[in-house]
Each structure stands twice: as C-alpha cells, then as structure tokens.
Amino acid sequence: MQYDDIKTLYRLGEYKNALSTFSAALPQDEELCLIYLECLFHCGKIQTALQVIRDWKSERGQQSSEPFLVSLEELSFLGQACLETGSGKTRIPVDARLLNQGVIRRAVGLGLLEAARKLAVEADNTYFWCEFIQSLYEEGYTEKAKAGLSGLDLSLLAGDRPSFRNVAFIFAEILHDEGRFEEAAPIFERLAEGSPEMARARFAACSCYLQTTMNHLLGRVELYRPGEEEQRKIEQYLNNITEALRIIDSTNWHTVWSVAQSRNLPASTSGTLQ
C-alpha cells in the first residue's frame, strides 16, 4: 500500500487497518514512524510502541531531527504513564521535564484518556485541567469534557487568560447544543466583549438569540393558535430567522470534528465533519 493510502486510513481513524499495512521492519521515514507509533497507541499496543521507540533511538537517534526526538520522548513518557495507569496505581510518577499542556493534549489525541486525566491531576494546575477539558472536547469526547467541567471552579471561566476563555466557550457551546440558549448567550457575549478578536463568540451569541426568538414564536403558535393573518406573519418571521441562522452557521463558529474525531462523539450526536 502506498504512503498516501496509509495517511488516509490514519486520518479517517482506521488505525487497525493502517497498522496492518506496515511491514515488520522499522519505518524509514520520521513522519511515517510517528503514524506507526500513534496507530500502535490507538490499538493498545503500548509495549510494542515503546520497543519501536527504543529501536529507533538505538539505530537512528543521532541522525534524527530534534522535533522528532522530542516526540519520541513524549510518546515514551505517555507509554510509561499508560502502563502505570493500567497497573492500577492511583498516582503516576511525573517527569517534570515532559509534563506540559502539549503532552496532555497528545495523550487525549491518542485516546489515553485515563492517563491524561491522572497527569492533569498530578500536575495540580488549573491550566492543565483546562487543557484536558479542551482536548477532550476538540477530540469529540464531548460528554467527558462536560464531566470534566464539573471538576472545575466555573467562576474561573470569567478570567481573561486564553485557557479560561477557551473552556468558557466550550461550556457555552455545550449549553447551546443542549438548547439552553438563554444561559449560553451571556457567556458568549462576555467573551465577545472581553476578546474582540474572538469573532466566533459574537456569532455564537447571535445564534442563541435567534434560536430563543424562534422558540418563543413556535411556543406562541402552539399556545395561542393565532389566526390566519398572524400565522402568515409568524411563518415569515420564522423563515427570516432560519435564513439568518443559515448565514451565521456558515461562519463556522461552532466546533467541527474530523471523521476520526467524530467516532468519539456520543451516538446521539450528529457531528459536524471537516
């Protein structure tokens, strides 16, 4: 199978099929080796991945690029953390050199959710927990991200630091998708006012207000049974709102998930694919 075919399978989240295309020999290319290692992680073959990392370092470590070696160090660290988690230990020995927000994000991307959670807890740092929540949501683990929010002091989301703003947006987006538009709107508004560069927050607030208006109009129709003339006016309003929502949705303010990430969405969720 060609290299491009392997990458396509990888992007689609077909990790097992991608893994089956590799030969027993160590991949020659750094990018291909990373794909191979990540497929091993996704398929639960942690020990094999750690051995591949050791083999690469032994055979080609001196000829490897610095970014690639850093990735190997991070993957090795995560592999060990995953094994520690699987052994039933409640704490993971933390390597301060390697434990950072990027490693938390990488762990979630590899599906090592429990190891990522424990690492975020071990860091004892709110920013790491925010990174954990954001990574979960962006990888399609929306229900787990929602659960992670319950472990966070939500008053912190009023802060102006990027990590707090990003999680506040996720919180409001979850409320929006649950139909709790009147709760989500003020959060989006605050984000838009405090961070003018976050244009998507203003579009999100508009979506909330339009959805609220639509619900009120539909409720009026159901409750009062308006006459024919008023019915026509309401239908025109609804058509206008629907068109406005279509335009707002076209700004792509809402989080979108790739084909691979959409596999992690709840079964009842219709994920937006990139």
Protein backbone atom coordinates (compact mmCIF):
# COMPACT_ATOMS: atom_id res chain seq x y z
CA MET A 1 0.00 0.00 0.00
CA GLN A 2 1.24 3.49 -0.85
CA TYR A 3 2.28 6.02 1.77
CA ASP A 4 -0.67 8.29 0.89
CA ASP A 5 -3.08 5.41 1.46
CA ILE A 6 -1.66 4.83 4.93
CA LYS A 7 -2.04 8.51 5.77
CA THR A 8 -5.64 8.46 4.52
CA LEU A 9 -6.51 5.50 6.72
CA TYR A 10 -4.85 7.26 9.65
CA ARG A 11 -6.81 10.50 9.09
CA LEU A 12 -10.05 8.50 8.90
CA GLY A 13 -9.32 6.89 12.26
CA GLU A 14 -8.88 3.45 10.69
CA TYR A 15 -5.89 2.76 12.93
CA LYS A 16 -6.12 -1.02 12.89
CA ASN A 17 -6.28 -1.13 9.10
CA ALA A 18 -3.44 1.38 8.82
CA LEU A 19 -1.35 -0.67 11.23
CA SER A 20 -1.89 -3.84 9.19
CA THR A 21 -0.21 -2.20 6.19
CA PHE A 22 3.14 -1.76 7.90
CA SER A 23 5.85 -4.35 7.43
CA ALA A 24 7.82 -5.87 10.30
CA ALA A 25 10.75 -3.59 9.51
CA LEU A 26 11.21 -0.27 11.27
CA PRO A 27 9.70 2.58 9.18
CA GLN A 28 12.37 4.60 7.39
CA ASP A 29 10.65 7.98 7.42
CA GLU A 30 10.13 10.08 10.57
CA GLU A 31 6.56 11.09 9.68
CA LEU A 32 5.68 7.51 8.79
CA CYS A 33 7.25 6.30 12.03
CA LEU A 34 5.09 8.72 14.03
CA ILE A 35 1.98 7.47 12.26
CA TYR A 36 3.04 3.90 13.01
CA LEU A 37 3.64 4.69 16.68
CA GLU A 38 0.35 6.53 17.07
CA CYS A 39 -1.53 3.66 15.44
CA LEU A 40 0.11 1.31 17.94
CA PHE A 41 -1.06 3.54 20.79
CA HIS A 42 -4.60 3.74 19.42
CA CYS A 43 -4.70 -0.06 19.12
CA GLY A 44 -3.45 -0.56 22.68
CA LYS A 45 -0.06 -1.98 21.66
CA ILE A 46 1.87 0.15 24.13
CA GLN A 47 4.73 -2.27 24.77
CA THR A 48 5.33 -2.65 21.03
CA ALA A 49 5.35 1.13 20.63
CA LEU A 50 7.91 1.52 23.42
CA GLN A 51 10.12 -1.10 21.79
CA VAL A 52 9.89 0.68 18.42
CA ILE A 53 10.95 3.92 20.14
CA ARG A 54 13.92 2.17 21.75
CA ASP A 55 14.92 0.60 18.43
CA TRP A 56 14.73 3.91 16.58
CA LYS A 57 16.82 5.71 19.19
CA SER A 58 19.40 2.93 19.13
CA GLU A 59 19.66 2.67 15.34
CA ARG A 60 18.98 6.22 14.12
CA GLY A 61 18.90 8.51 17.10
CA GLN A 62 21.91 10.57 16.06
CA GLN A 63 20.54 11.15 12.56
CA SER A 64 17.06 12.17 13.71
CA SER A 65 15.64 15.68 13.80
CA GLU A 66 15.25 17.40 17.16
CA PRO A 67 11.42 17.78 16.89
CA PHE A 68 11.10 14.08 16.11
CA LEU A 69 13.25 13.11 19.10
CA VAL A 70 11.10 15.32 21.32
CA SER A 71 8.02 13.49 20.01
CA LEU A 72 9.65 10.15 20.81
CA GLU A 73 10.41 11.33 24.34
CA GLU A 74 6.81 12.44 24.83
CA LEU A 75 5.41 9.19 23.43
CA SER A 76 7.75 7.17 25.61
CA PHE A 77 6.66 9.18 28.64
CA LEU A 78 2.98 8.67 27.78
CA GLY A 79 3.53 4.97 27.17
CA GLN A 80 5.04 4.54 30.60
CA ALA A 81 2.26 6.63 32.15
CA CYS A 82 -0.32 4.47 30.40
CA LEU A 83 1.29 1.29 31.73
CA GLU A 84 1.35 2.76 35.22
CA THR A 85 -2.34 3.59 34.87
CA GLY A 86 -3.11 0.08 33.66
CA SER A 87 -1.29 -1.40 36.63
CA GLY A 88 -3.94 0.10 38.91
CA LYS A 89 -1.68 2.65 40.56
CA THR A 90 -3.51 5.73 41.74
CA ARG A 91 -0.55 8.02 41.09
CA ILE A 92 1.74 8.32 38.10
CA PRO A 93 5.41 9.24 38.60
CA VAL A 94 5.69 12.64 36.91
CA ASP A 95 8.68 13.69 34.83
CA ALA A 96 8.65 17.47 35.27
CA ARG A 97 10.64 17.92 32.05
CA LEU A 98 7.98 16.31 29.92
CA LEU A 99 4.74 17.05 31.70
CA ASN A 100 3.26 20.05 29.93
CA GLN A 101 -0.03 21.04 28.38
CA GLY A 102 1.06 19.75 24.98
CA VAL A 103 1.62 16.29 26.43
CA ILE A 104 -1.88 16.32 27.95
CA ARG A 105 -3.27 17.22 24.53
CA ARG A 106 -1.23 14.49 22.85
CA ALA A 107 -2.41 11.88 25.35
CA VAL A 108 -6.07 12.70 24.67
CA GLY A 109 -5.41 12.64 20.93
CA LEU A 110 -4.04 9.11 21.32
CA GLY A 111 -7.10 8.01 23.29
CA LEU A 112 -5.13 7.66 26.55
CA LEU A 113 -7.88 9.40 28.47
CA GLU A 114 -7.31 7.95 31.93
CA ALA A 115 -3.56 8.56 31.73
CA ALA A 116 -4.24 12.13 30.56
CA ARG A 117 -6.68 12.69 33.43
CA LYS A 118 -4.22 11.41 36.02
CA LEU A 119 -1.41 13.50 34.58
CA ALA A 120 -3.60 16.60 34.72
CA VAL A 121 -4.46 15.79 38.34
CA GLU A 122 -0.80 15.11 39.22
CA ALA A 123 0.18 18.48 37.77
CA ASP A 124 -2.14 20.11 40.32
CA ASN A 125 -2.54 23.05 37.96
CA THR A 126 -5.83 24.56 36.80
CA TYR A 127 -4.37 25.32 33.37
CA PHE A 128 -3.55 21.65 32.85
CA TRP A 129 -7.12 20.71 33.76
CA CYS A 130 -8.42 23.32 31.32
CA GLU A 131 -6.16 21.86 28.63
CA PHE A 132 -7.53 18.41 29.46
CA ILE A 133 -11.13 19.61 29.06
CA GLN A 134 -10.38 21.48 25.84
CA SER A 135 -8.53 18.49 24.37
CA LEU A 136 -11.38 16.13 25.24
CA TYR A 137 -13.93 18.40 23.55
CA GLU A 138 -11.86 19.02 20.44
CA GLU A 139 -11.25 15.28 20.02
CA GLY A 140 -15.01 14.60 20.15
CA TYR A 141 -15.22 13.35 23.73
CA THR A 142 -17.94 15.90 24.43
CA GLU A 143 -19.62 14.04 27.28
CA LYS A 144 -16.29 13.52 29.04
CA ALA A 145 -15.46 17.19 28.57
CA LYS A 146 -18.78 18.06 30.15
CA ALA A 147 -17.94 15.79 33.08
CA GLY A 148 -14.53 17.44 33.33
CA LEU A 149 -16.21 20.83 33.70
CA SER A 150 -17.85 19.57 36.87
CA GLY A 151 -14.38 19.31 38.40
CA LEU A 152 -13.59 22.94 37.65
CA ASP A 153 -14.50 26.06 39.57
CA LEU A 154 -16.71 27.65 36.91
CA SER A 155 -16.11 31.12 38.37
CA LEU A 156 -12.62 30.86 36.89
CA LEU A 157 -14.15 30.93 33.42
CA ALA A 158 -14.73 34.64 33.85
CA GLY A 159 -10.95 35.08 33.74
CA ASP A 160 -9.28 36.64 30.72
CA ARG A 161 -6.49 34.09 30.24
CA PRO A 162 -6.67 32.11 26.98
CA SER A 163 -7.13 28.75 28.67
CA PHE A 164 -10.10 30.06 30.66
CA ARG A 165 -11.63 31.77 27.62
CA ASN A 166 -11.38 28.61 25.53
CA VAL A 167 -13.03 26.46 28.18
CA ALA A 168 -15.71 29.12 28.76
CA PHE A 169 -16.50 28.97 25.04
CA ILE A 170 -16.74 25.18 25.22
CA PHE A 171 -19.04 25.42 28.24
CA ALA A 172 -21.31 27.86 26.41
CA GLU A 173 -21.24 25.73 23.26
CA ILE A 174 -22.38 22.71 25.25
CA LEU A 175 -25.23 24.77 26.72
CA HIS A 176 -26.14 25.94 23.20
CA ASP A 177 -26.24 22.39 21.88
CA GLU A 178 -28.46 21.35 24.79
CA GLY A 179 -30.93 24.08 23.82
CA ARG A 180 -30.10 26.21 26.87
CA PHE A 181 -29.70 29.31 24.73
CA GLU A 182 -30.57 31.89 27.38
CA GLU A 183 -27.79 30.53 29.61
CA ALA A 184 -25.23 30.33 26.81
CA ALA A 185 -25.85 33.78 25.29
CA PRO A 186 -24.42 35.92 28.14
CA ILE A 187 -21.27 33.77 28.25
CA PHE A 188 -20.72 34.25 24.53
CA GLU A 189 -21.46 37.97 24.89
CA ARG A 190 -18.91 38.36 27.69
CA LEU A 191 -16.28 36.55 25.63
CA ALA A 192 -17.02 38.75 22.60
CA GLU A 193 -16.77 41.93 24.65
CA GLY A 194 -13.63 40.90 26.52
CA SER A 195 -11.87 39.41 23.49
CA PRO A 196 -12.86 41.29 20.32
CA GLU A 197 -10.61 39.01 18.29
CA MET A 198 -12.87 36.07 19.23
CA ALA A 199 -15.39 36.84 16.49
CA ARG A 200 -16.94 33.38 16.70
CA ALA A 201 -18.24 34.24 20.19
CA ARG A 202 -20.35 37.06 18.75
CA PHE A 203 -21.74 34.79 16.03
CA ALA A 204 -22.49 32.18 18.71
CA ALA A 205 -24.37 34.76 20.79
CA CYS A 206 -26.41 35.73 17.72
CA SER A 207 -27.27 32.07 17.18
CA CYS A 208 -28.50 31.87 20.77
CA TYR A 209 -30.72 34.93 20.41
CA LEU A 210 -32.18 33.77 17.12
CA GLN A 211 -32.85 30.30 18.46
CA THR A 212 -34.54 31.81 21.53
CA THR A 213 -36.75 34.02 19.34
CA MET A 214 -37.66 31.05 17.17
CA ASN A 215 -38.63 29.00 20.22
CA HIS A 216 -40.80 31.85 21.52
CA LEU A 217 -42.60 32.16 18.18
CA LEU A 218 -43.16 28.41 17.93
CA GLY A 219 -44.44 28.43 21.51
CA ARG A 220 -46.84 31.23 20.65
CA VAL A 221 -48.23 29.29 17.70
CA GLU A 222 -48.74 26.20 19.84
CA LEU A 223 -50.26 28.03 22.81
CA TYR A 224 -52.49 30.68 21.23
CA ARG A 225 -53.43 29.19 17.87
CA PRO A 226 -53.18 32.55 16.02
CA GLY A 227 -55.44 33.47 13.15
CA GLU A 228 -54.52 33.05 9.53
CA GLU A 229 -53.05 36.53 9.10
CA GLU A 230 -50.90 36.35 12.24
CA GLN A 231 -49.91 32.80 11.29
CA ARG A 232 -48.55 34.09 7.98
CA LYS A 233 -46.57 36.81 9.76
CA ILE A 234 -45.10 34.32 12.21
CA GLU A 235 -44.15 31.96 9.40
CA GLN A 236 -42.39 34.83 7.62
CA TYR A 237 -40.50 35.67 10.82
CA LEU A 238 -39.53 32.03 11.18
CA ASN A 239 -38.31 31.90 7.58
CA ASN A 240 -36.22 35.03 8.17
CA ILE A 241 -34.74 33.57 11.34
CA THR A 242 -33.95 30.30 9.61
CA GLU A 243 -32.13 32.18 6.86
CA ALA A 244 -30.22 34.26 9.42
CA LEU A 245 -29.20 31.10 11.26
CA ARG A 246 -28.02 29.58 8.00
CA ILE A 247 -25.79 32.62 7.38
CA ILE A 248 -24.43 32.53 10.94
CA ASP A 249 -23.74 28.80 10.70
CA SER A 250 -21.78 29.45 7.50
CA THR A 251 -19.22 31.40 9.60
CA ASN A 252 -18.22 28.06 11.16
CA TRP A 253 -18.37 29.47 14.68
CA HIS A 254 -19.21 26.04 16.06
CA THR A 255 -16.55 23.42 16.77
CA VAL A 256 -16.20 20.92 13.95
CA TRP A 257 -14.80 17.41 14.19
CA SER A 258 -12.86 15.40 11.65
CA VAL A 259 -14.03 11.96 10.56
CA ALA A 260 -11.67 10.32 13.05
CA GLN A 261 -12.74 12.61 15.89
CA SER A 262 -16.44 12.14 15.12
CA ARG A 263 -16.03 8.50 16.14
CA ASN A 264 -15.66 9.74 19.71
CA LEU A 265 -18.91 11.74 19.69
CA PRO A 266 -21.94 10.37 21.55
CA ALA A 267 -24.05 8.10 19.36
CA SER A 268 -26.93 10.60 19.52
CA THR A 269 -24.75 13.46 18.31
CA SER A 270 -24.66 14.42 14.67
CA GLY A 271 -21.12 15.74 14.49
CA THR A 272 -20.10 18.40 12.01
CA LEU A 273 -17.29 16.99 9.92
CA GLN A 274 -14.38 18.87 8.44
